[in-house]
């Protein structure tokens, strides 16, 4: 009888990314990235992707964390569906970001992860729109 199959590397990378985001583990999250990683969250011009070209390379990944994740109190990741094929995985997620002062922002979208042969993240892309985000202000 064969044992359970190993988790596909792109799925494992996504799960590790979410664990680090939930735990606010900046260094653990950055350790998941390949040197030439590209982060587009969301794809296209947005406050979290001002140029629309994404954040490219590890130094830019650090900048992404510092600008978009560090100022938050916490980020919840709710997984609805996940799919893995080859060196990629895709996930239907709802992200709820809690900001200081009680404001929250909820986005629902598809997030994809692509890894290299070593299982490091080459690409993290978010298919969601700020226009569809639900923002609740405190008070």
N, C-alpha and C. Protein backbone atom coordinates (compact mmCIF):
# COMPACT_ATOMS: atom_id res chain seq x y z
N UNK A 1 0.83 -1.18 0.00
CA UNK A 1 0.00 0.00 0.00
C UNK A 1 0.88 1.25 0.00
N UNK A 2 0.62 2.15 -0.90
CA UNK A 2 1.42 3.36 -1.01
C UNK A 2 1.02 4.36 0.07
N UNK A 3 2.00 5.14 0.52
CA UNK A 3 1.74 6.19 1.51
C UNK A 3 1.11 7.39 0.85
N UNK A 4 0.74 8.38 1.65
CA UNK A 4 0.12 9.58 1.09
C UNK A 4 1.11 10.31 0.19
N UNK A 5 0.59 10.90 -0.87
CA UNK A 5 1.43 11.66 -1.78
C UNK A 5 1.91 12.93 -1.10
N UNK A 6 3.11 13.35 -1.47
CA UNK A 6 3.65 14.60 -0.93
C UNK A 6 2.83 15.77 -1.48
N UNK A 7 2.73 16.80 -0.68
CA UNK A 7 2.02 18.00 -1.11
C UNK A 7 2.79 18.64 -2.26
N UNK A 8 2.10 19.01 -3.35
CA UNK A 8 2.80 19.67 -4.46
C UNK A 8 3.54 20.92 -3.97
N UNK A 9 4.75 21.16 -4.48
CA UNK A 9 5.55 22.29 -3.98
C UNK A 9 4.85 23.65 -4.04
N UNK A 10 4.09 23.92 -5.09
CA UNK A 10 3.41 25.22 -5.18
C UNK A 10 2.31 25.34 -4.12
N UNK A 11 1.68 24.24 -3.80
CA UNK A 11 0.66 24.24 -2.75
C UNK A 11 1.33 24.43 -1.39
N UNK A 12 2.45 23.75 -1.18
CA UNK A 12 3.19 23.90 0.07
C UNK A 12 3.67 25.35 0.24
N UNK A 13 4.13 25.97 -0.85
CA UNK A 13 4.60 27.37 -0.78
C UNK A 13 3.45 28.30 -0.42
N UNK A 14 2.28 28.09 -1.02
CA UNK A 14 1.11 28.92 -0.70
C UNK A 14 0.75 28.77 0.78
N UNK A 15 0.69 27.53 1.25
CA UNK A 15 0.35 27.30 2.66
C UNK A 15 1.36 27.96 3.60
N UNK A 16 2.64 27.87 3.24
CA UNK A 16 3.68 28.50 4.06
C UNK A 16 3.54 30.01 4.04
N UNK A 17 3.22 30.57 2.88
CA UNK A 17 3.03 32.01 2.76
C UNK A 17 1.91 32.47 3.69
N UNK A 18 0.78 31.76 3.66
CA UNK A 18 -0.36 32.15 4.50
C UNK A 18 -0.02 32.02 5.97
N UNK A 19 0.72 30.95 6.34
CA UNK A 19 1.11 30.76 7.74
C UNK A 19 1.96 31.95 8.19
N UNK A 20 2.91 32.37 7.36
CA UNK A 20 3.77 33.49 7.72
C UNK A 20 2.99 34.80 7.79
N UNK A 21 2.06 35.00 6.87
CA UNK A 21 1.24 36.23 6.89
C UNK A 21 0.41 36.27 8.17
N UNK A 22 -0.23 35.16 8.50
CA UNK A 22 -1.06 35.11 9.71
C UNK A 22 -0.22 35.37 10.96
N UNK A 23 1.00 34.83 10.98
CA UNK A 23 1.88 34.95 12.15
C UNK A 23 2.68 36.25 12.15
N UNK A 24 2.54 37.04 11.08
CA UNK A 24 3.29 38.29 10.93
C UNK A 24 4.79 38.01 10.93
N UNK A 25 5.18 36.91 10.30
CA UNK A 25 6.56 36.44 10.25
C UNK A 25 7.22 36.94 8.96
N UNK A 26 7.72 38.15 9.00
CA UNK A 26 8.33 38.79 7.82
C UNK A 26 9.49 37.96 7.29
N UNK A 27 10.42 37.58 8.16
CA UNK A 27 11.62 36.86 7.71
C UNK A 27 11.26 35.48 7.15
N UNK A 28 10.31 34.80 7.78
CA UNK A 28 9.87 33.50 7.26
C UNK A 28 9.24 33.63 5.90
N UNK A 29 8.43 34.69 5.72
CA UNK A 29 7.77 34.93 4.43
C UNK A 29 8.80 35.23 3.36
N UNK A 30 9.76 36.10 3.67
CA UNK A 30 10.79 36.45 2.70
C UNK A 30 11.66 35.24 2.34
N UNK A 31 11.86 34.33 3.27
CA UNK A 31 12.67 33.13 3.01
C UNK A 31 12.01 32.21 1.98
N UNK A 32 10.71 32.39 1.75
CA UNK A 32 10.00 31.57 0.76
C UNK A 32 10.26 32.04 -0.67
N UNK A 33 10.83 33.24 -0.83
CA UNK A 33 10.95 33.87 -2.14
C UNK A 33 12.23 33.49 -2.86
N UNK A 34 12.11 33.27 -4.18
CA UNK A 34 13.28 33.13 -5.04
C UNK A 34 13.90 34.52 -5.22
N UNK A 35 15.16 34.56 -5.61
CA UNK A 35 15.83 35.86 -5.80
C UNK A 35 15.13 36.72 -6.84
N UNK A 36 14.49 36.08 -7.83
CA UNK A 36 13.84 36.83 -8.92
C UNK A 36 12.32 36.78 -8.84
N UNK A 37 11.80 36.69 -7.63
CA UNK A 37 10.34 36.65 -7.41
C UNK A 37 9.67 37.90 -7.98
N UNK A 38 8.41 37.73 -8.41
CA UNK A 38 7.58 38.85 -8.84
C UNK A 38 6.27 38.77 -8.06
N UNK A 39 5.95 39.85 -7.34
CA UNK A 39 4.71 39.94 -6.56
C UNK A 39 3.79 40.95 -7.24
N UNK A 40 2.58 40.50 -7.59
CA UNK A 40 1.57 41.38 -8.17
C UNK A 40 0.28 41.15 -7.39
N UNK A 41 0.04 42.00 -6.40
CA UNK A 41 -1.10 41.81 -5.50
C UNK A 41 -1.77 43.15 -5.24
N UNK A 42 -2.75 43.51 -6.10
CA UNK A 42 -3.31 42.76 -7.20
C UNK A 42 -2.53 43.01 -8.50
N UNK A 43 -2.92 42.30 -9.54
CA UNK A 43 -2.38 42.54 -10.87
C UNK A 43 -2.91 43.89 -11.34
N UNK A 44 -2.03 44.70 -11.90
CA UNK A 44 -2.43 46.02 -12.39
C UNK A 44 -2.21 47.11 -11.35
N UNK A 45 -2.42 48.33 -11.76
CA UNK A 45 -2.19 49.49 -10.90
C UNK A 45 -3.17 49.50 -9.73
N UNK A 46 -2.64 49.64 -8.54
CA UNK A 46 -3.44 49.69 -7.30
C UNK A 46 -2.54 50.28 -6.21
N UNK A 47 -3.11 50.70 -5.08
CA UNK A 47 -2.28 51.21 -4.00
C UNK A 47 -1.18 50.22 -3.56
N UNK A 48 -1.45 48.92 -3.64
CA UNK A 48 -0.45 47.92 -3.27
C UNK A 48 0.43 47.52 -4.44
N UNK A 49 0.22 48.10 -5.62
CA UNK A 49 1.02 47.83 -6.81
C UNK A 49 1.04 49.12 -7.64
N UNK A 50 1.66 50.20 -7.12
CA UNK A 50 1.54 51.52 -7.74
C UNK A 50 1.97 51.60 -9.21
N UNK A 51 3.01 50.86 -9.59
CA UNK A 51 3.48 50.92 -10.98
C UNK A 51 2.66 50.03 -11.90
N UNK A 52 1.94 49.07 -11.31
CA UNK A 52 1.24 48.08 -12.12
C UNK A 52 2.16 46.99 -12.62
N UNK A 53 3.45 47.10 -12.34
CA UNK A 53 4.44 46.11 -12.79
C UNK A 53 4.81 45.11 -11.71
N UNK A 54 4.27 45.28 -10.52
CA UNK A 54 4.59 44.38 -9.42
C UNK A 54 5.90 44.74 -8.74
N UNK A 55 6.23 43.96 -7.76
CA UNK A 55 7.47 44.11 -7.00
C UNK A 55 8.38 42.98 -7.46
N UNK A 56 9.58 43.31 -7.93
CA UNK A 56 10.46 42.34 -8.58
C UNK A 56 11.75 42.15 -7.79
N UNK A 57 12.02 40.91 -7.41
CA UNK A 57 13.23 40.57 -6.67
C UNK A 57 13.00 40.61 -5.17
N UNK A 58 13.96 40.04 -4.45
CA UNK A 58 13.82 39.92 -2.99
C UNK A 58 13.79 41.27 -2.29
N UNK A 59 14.60 42.21 -2.72
CA UNK A 59 14.60 43.53 -2.09
C UNK A 59 13.24 44.20 -2.26
N UNK A 60 12.63 44.03 -3.42
CA UNK A 60 11.30 44.58 -3.66
C UNK A 60 10.25 43.81 -2.84
N UNK A 61 10.45 42.51 -2.63
CA UNK A 61 9.53 41.73 -1.78
C UNK A 61 9.58 42.28 -0.35
N UNK A 62 10.76 42.64 0.12
CA UNK A 62 10.89 43.26 1.44
C UNK A 62 10.09 44.57 1.48
N UNK A 63 10.23 45.35 0.43
CA UNK A 63 9.51 46.62 0.33
C UNK A 63 7.99 46.38 0.33
N UNK A 64 7.55 45.35 -0.40
CA UNK A 64 6.12 45.01 -0.42
C UNK A 64 5.62 44.72 0.99
N UNK A 65 6.36 43.90 1.72
CA UNK A 65 5.95 43.57 3.10
C UNK A 65 5.90 44.84 3.95
N UNK A 66 6.96 45.62 3.89
CA UNK A 66 7.05 46.80 4.74
C UNK A 66 5.97 47.83 4.44
N UNK A 67 5.60 47.97 3.18
CA UNK A 67 4.60 48.97 2.78
C UNK A 67 3.16 48.47 2.94
N UNK A 68 2.94 47.19 2.74
CA UNK A 68 1.56 46.69 2.65
C UNK A 68 1.13 45.76 3.76
N UNK A 69 2.06 45.10 4.41
CA UNK A 69 1.68 44.15 5.44
C UNK A 69 2.07 44.62 6.84
N UNK A 70 3.24 45.21 6.96
CA UNK A 70 3.70 45.66 8.28
C UNK A 70 2.75 46.66 8.94
N UNK A 71 2.15 47.61 8.20
CA UNK A 71 1.28 48.59 8.86
C UNK A 71 -0.06 48.03 9.36
N UNK A 72 -0.35 46.79 9.06
CA UNK A 72 -1.63 46.20 9.48
C UNK A 72 -1.50 45.57 10.86
N UNK A 73 -2.66 45.36 11.50
CA UNK A 73 -2.65 44.65 12.77
C UNK A 73 -2.65 43.15 12.56
N UNK A 74 -3.41 42.70 11.57
CA UNK A 74 -3.43 41.28 11.22
C UNK A 74 -4.13 41.10 9.89
N UNK A 75 -3.84 39.96 9.26
CA UNK A 75 -4.47 39.60 7.99
C UNK A 75 -4.99 38.18 8.13
N UNK A 76 -6.28 38.03 7.89
CA UNK A 76 -6.90 36.70 7.91
C UNK A 76 -6.95 36.17 6.48
N UNK A 77 -6.65 34.88 6.32
CA UNK A 77 -6.69 34.23 5.01
C UNK A 77 -7.71 33.11 5.09
N UNK A 78 -8.79 33.26 4.34
CA UNK A 78 -9.83 32.22 4.29
C UNK A 78 -9.76 31.55 2.92
N UNK A 79 -9.52 30.25 2.93
CA UNK A 79 -9.39 29.49 1.68
C UNK A 79 -10.71 28.83 1.34
N UNK A 80 -11.19 29.08 0.12
CA UNK A 80 -12.44 28.48 -0.35
C UNK A 80 -12.17 27.27 -1.24
N UNK A 81 -11.21 27.39 -2.15
CA UNK A 81 -10.83 26.29 -3.04
C UNK A 81 -9.36 26.44 -3.40
N UNK A 82 -8.70 25.30 -3.63
CA UNK A 82 -7.30 25.29 -4.05
C UNK A 82 -7.10 24.26 -5.14
N UNK A 83 -6.23 24.60 -6.08
CA UNK A 83 -5.91 23.72 -7.20
C UNK A 83 -4.40 23.77 -7.41
N UNK A 84 -3.80 22.63 -7.72
CA UNK A 84 -2.37 22.60 -8.01
C UNK A 84 -2.15 21.82 -9.30
N UNK A 85 -1.23 22.34 -10.12
CA UNK A 85 -0.84 21.67 -11.37
C UNK A 85 0.58 22.08 -11.71
N UNK A 86 1.42 21.12 -11.98
CA UNK A 86 2.80 21.42 -12.31
C UNK A 86 3.46 22.22 -11.20
N UNK A 87 4.08 23.33 -11.56
CA UNK A 87 4.79 24.15 -10.58
C UNK A 87 3.95 25.35 -10.12
N UNK A 88 2.62 25.26 -10.28
CA UNK A 88 1.75 26.36 -9.89
C UNK A 88 0.57 25.88 -9.05
N UNK A 89 0.02 26.82 -8.29
CA UNK A 89 -1.23 26.57 -7.58
C UNK A 89 -2.09 27.82 -7.67
N UNK A 90 -3.40 27.61 -7.61
CA UNK A 90 -4.36 28.71 -7.66
C UNK A 90 -5.37 28.50 -6.54
N UNK A 91 -5.79 29.61 -5.93
CA UNK A 91 -6.63 29.54 -4.74
C UNK A 91 -7.69 30.62 -4.78
N UNK A 92 -8.91 30.24 -4.45
CA UNK A 92 -9.97 31.21 -4.25
C UNK A 92 -9.92 31.57 -2.77
N UNK A 93 -9.60 32.84 -2.49
CA UNK A 93 -9.38 33.28 -1.12
C UNK A 93 -10.22 34.51 -0.80
N UNK A 94 -10.49 34.68 0.48
CA UNK A 94 -10.96 35.95 1.01
C UNK A 94 -9.92 36.40 2.02
N UNK A 95 -9.38 37.59 1.81
CA UNK A 95 -8.41 38.18 2.72
C UNK A 95 -9.09 39.31 3.48
N UNK A 96 -8.98 39.27 4.79
CA UNK A 96 -9.51 40.35 5.62
C UNK A 96 -8.34 40.99 6.34
N UNK A 97 -8.11 42.25 6.02
CA UNK A 97 -7.01 43.00 6.60
C UNK A 97 -7.56 43.92 7.68
N UNK A 98 -6.96 43.84 8.86
CA UNK A 98 -7.35 44.67 10.00
C UNK A 98 -6.28 45.74 10.19
N UNK A 99 -6.71 47.00 10.14
CA UNK A 99 -5.81 48.14 10.29
C UNK A 99 -5.91 48.73 11.69
N UNK A 100 -4.87 49.42 12.14
CA UNK A 100 -4.97 50.11 13.43
C UNK A 100 -6.16 51.06 13.42
N UNK A 101 -6.86 51.13 14.54
CA UNK A 101 -8.02 52.00 14.64
C UNK A 101 -9.33 51.29 14.33
N UNK A 102 -9.25 50.02 13.89
CA UNK A 102 -10.47 49.23 13.72
C UNK A 102 -11.01 49.11 12.31
N UNK A 103 -10.45 49.80 11.32
CA UNK A 103 -10.92 49.66 9.95
C UNK A 103 -10.50 48.30 9.40
N UNK A 104 -11.39 47.66 8.63
CA UNK A 104 -11.07 46.41 7.97
C UNK A 104 -11.31 46.54 6.47
N UNK A 105 -10.58 45.73 5.70
CA UNK A 105 -10.80 45.65 4.26
C UNK A 105 -10.83 44.17 3.88
N UNK A 106 -11.89 43.79 3.20
CA UNK A 106 -12.05 42.41 2.78
C UNK A 106 -12.01 42.35 1.26
N UNK A 107 -11.12 41.48 0.72
CA UNK A 107 -11.05 41.26 -0.72
C UNK A 107 -11.25 39.78 -1.00
N UNK A 108 -11.93 39.51 -2.09
CA UNK A 108 -12.19 38.14 -2.52
C UNK A 108 -11.61 38.01 -3.91
N UNK A 109 -10.80 36.98 -4.14
CA UNK A 109 -10.21 36.83 -5.45
C UNK A 109 -9.52 35.50 -5.63
N UNK A 110 -8.79 35.42 -6.71
CA UNK A 110 -8.00 34.24 -7.03
C UNK A 110 -6.54 34.65 -6.90
N UNK A 111 -5.77 33.83 -6.22
CA UNK A 111 -4.37 34.09 -5.98
C UNK A 111 -3.58 32.90 -6.51
N UNK A 112 -2.54 33.19 -7.30
CA UNK A 112 -1.74 32.13 -7.89
C UNK A 112 -0.31 32.20 -7.38
N UNK A 113 0.31 31.03 -7.29
CA UNK A 113 1.67 30.89 -6.80
C UNK A 113 2.43 29.99 -7.77
N UNK A 114 3.63 30.42 -8.17
CA UNK A 114 4.48 29.60 -9.04
C UNK A 114 5.83 29.46 -8.35
N UNK A 115 6.37 28.25 -8.35
CA UNK A 115 7.63 27.97 -7.67
C UNK A 115 8.68 27.48 -8.66
N UNK A 116 9.95 27.60 -8.23
CA UNK A 116 11.06 27.07 -9.02
C UNK A 116 11.32 25.62 -8.59
N UNK A 117 12.36 25.02 -9.14
CA UNK A 117 12.67 23.61 -8.85
C UNK A 117 13.00 23.38 -7.38
N UNK A 118 13.44 24.42 -6.68
CA UNK A 118 13.75 24.31 -5.25
C UNK A 118 12.54 24.58 -4.36
N UNK A 119 11.38 24.89 -4.98
CA UNK A 119 10.17 25.18 -4.20
C UNK A 119 10.07 26.62 -3.73
N UNK A 120 10.96 27.49 -4.20
CA UNK A 120 10.92 28.91 -3.84
C UNK A 120 9.91 29.63 -4.74
N UNK A 121 9.25 30.62 -4.19
CA UNK A 121 8.24 31.36 -4.95
C UNK A 121 8.87 32.24 -6.02
N UNK A 122 8.45 32.01 -7.27
CA UNK A 122 8.85 32.84 -8.41
C UNK A 122 7.82 33.91 -8.68
N UNK A 123 6.54 33.59 -8.41
CA UNK A 123 5.47 34.55 -8.70
C UNK A 123 4.33 34.34 -7.73
N UNK A 124 3.80 35.45 -7.26
CA UNK A 124 2.58 35.49 -6.45
C UNK A 124 1.72 36.56 -7.10
N UNK A 125 0.54 36.17 -7.59
CA UNK A 125 -0.31 37.11 -8.33
C UNK A 125 -1.72 37.06 -7.75
N UNK A 126 -2.31 38.24 -7.56
CA UNK A 126 -3.65 38.35 -7.02
C UNK A 126 -4.61 38.91 -8.06
N UNK A 127 -5.66 38.14 -8.33
CA UNK A 127 -6.72 38.58 -9.24
C UNK A 127 -7.87 39.10 -8.39
N UNK A 128 -7.83 40.38 -8.10
CA UNK A 128 -8.88 41.04 -7.34
C UNK A 128 -8.83 42.53 -7.66
N UNK A 129 -9.88 43.23 -7.32
CA UNK A 129 -9.97 44.64 -7.63
C UNK A 129 -10.31 45.43 -6.38
N UNK A 130 -9.61 46.54 -6.19
CA UNK A 130 -9.91 47.42 -5.06
C UNK A 130 -11.35 47.92 -5.12
N UNK A 131 -11.87 48.07 -6.33
CA UNK A 131 -13.26 48.53 -6.49
C UNK A 131 -14.25 47.55 -5.88
N UNK A 132 -13.86 46.28 -5.77
CA UNK A 132 -14.74 45.25 -5.21
C UNK A 132 -14.46 44.99 -3.72
N UNK A 133 -13.46 45.66 -3.17
CA UNK A 133 -13.13 45.45 -1.74
C UNK A 133 -14.25 46.02 -0.87
N UNK A 134 -14.46 45.36 0.25
CA UNK A 134 -15.44 45.83 1.24
C UNK A 134 -14.67 46.44 2.40
N UNK A 135 -14.81 47.75 2.57
CA UNK A 135 -14.10 48.46 3.63
C UNK A 135 -15.12 48.85 4.69
N UNK A 136 -14.78 48.51 5.93
CA UNK A 136 -15.63 48.89 7.08
C UNK A 136 -14.78 49.75 8.00
N UNK A 137 -15.20 50.99 8.15
CA UNK A 137 -14.49 51.92 9.03
C UNK A 137 -14.95 51.71 10.47
N UNK A 138 -14.06 51.89 11.39
CA UNK A 138 -14.37 51.75 12.81
C UNK A 138 -15.34 52.85 13.23
N UNK A 139 -16.20 52.51 14.20
CA UNK A 139 -17.07 53.52 14.77
C UNK A 139 -18.36 53.62 14.17
